[in-house]
Amino acid sequence: MAGKKDRAVVAVLSGLTSNQASQISRDIMRSKEKYAPFGRGTIASGMMSNVGTLLQRGHKMIGGK
């Protein structure tokens, strides 16, 4: 795939159970490794009241190879 690497994806999903949040996080990490193995990012899940903090720092780094 050719093209400039100047894009990002940000998603906030709410109204999930803890199990649903962890499953979705796992699926995002797998998709990232499949489609963008050299891309970098962070992923986080937590309480809805902490969305701002989660977006700022993230909990799990998804690094590139």
Protein backbone atom coordinates (compact mmCIF):
# COMPACT_ATOMS: atom_id res chain seq x y z
CA MET A 1 0.00 0.00 0.00
CA ALA A 2 1.44 3.31 -1.09
CA GLY A 3 0.59 6.67 0.33
CA LYS A 4 1.47 9.23 2.95
CA LYS A 5 1.26 8.10 6.56
CA ASP A 6 -0.60 11.17 7.74
CA ARG A 7 -3.80 9.65 9.15
CA ALA A 8 -4.98 8.73 12.64
CA VAL A 9 -8.02 7.01 14.12
CA VAL A 10 -9.62 8.02 17.42
CA ALA A 11 -12.71 6.33 18.83
CA VAL A 12 -14.55 6.67 22.12
CA LEU A 13 -17.09 3.95 22.91
CA SER A 14 -19.27 4.14 26.01
CA GLY A 15 -21.95 2.09 27.69
CA LEU A 16 -19.82 -1.06 27.74
CA THR A 17 -19.23 -3.67 30.38
CA SER A 18 -15.68 -4.34 31.54
CA ASN A 19 -15.61 -7.55 29.52
CA GLN A 20 -16.88 -5.83 26.36
CA ALA A 21 -14.28 -3.08 26.73
CA SER A 22 -11.44 -5.57 27.05
CA GLN A 23 -12.65 -7.62 24.06
CA ILE A 24 -12.91 -4.51 21.87
CA SER A 25 -9.45 -3.36 23.00
CA ARG A 26 -8.02 -6.76 22.11
CA ASP A 27 -9.65 -6.66 18.66
CA ILE A 28 -8.28 -3.17 17.99
CA MET A 29 -4.76 -4.30 18.91
CA ARG A 30 -5.02 -7.32 16.61
CA SER A 31 -6.31 -5.21 13.71
CA LYS A 32 -3.53 -2.67 14.22
CA GLU A 33 -0.89 -5.40 14.07
CA LYS A 34 -2.49 -6.87 10.93
CA TYR A 35 -2.99 -3.67 8.93
CA ALA A 36 -0.33 -1.32 10.33
CA PRO A 37 2.46 -3.33 11.96
CA PHE A 38 4.83 -0.35 11.91
CA GLY A 39 2.26 2.13 13.22
CA ARG A 40 2.33 3.45 16.78
CA GLY A 41 -0.50 4.15 19.17
CA THR A 42 -2.06 3.83 22.59
CA ILE A 43 -5.18 2.14 23.82
CA ALA A 44 -6.99 2.60 27.10
CA SER A 45 -10.21 1.54 28.79
CA GLY A 46 -11.73 2.74 32.02
CA MET A 47 -14.65 4.56 33.60
CA MET A 48 -16.68 6.99 31.48
CA SER A 49 -15.95 9.74 34.00
CA ASN A 50 -12.22 9.43 33.17
CA VAL A 51 -12.46 9.69 29.38
CA GLY A 52 -10.40 12.89 29.22
CA THR A 53 -7.58 11.39 31.26
CA LEU A 54 -7.65 8.17 29.26
CA LEU A 55 -7.33 10.07 25.99
CA GLN A 56 -4.42 12.12 27.28
CA ARG A 57 -2.22 9.33 28.56
CA GLY A 58 -3.53 5.94 27.43
CA HIS A 59 -2.73 2.76 29.34
CA LYS A 60 -1.30 0.31 26.85
CA MET A 61 1.21 1.34 24.24
CA ILE A 62 0.80 -0.33 20.85
CA GLY A 63 4.24 0.01 19.33
CA GLY A 64 5.51 -0.71 15.85
CA LYS A 65 7.91 -3.47 14.91
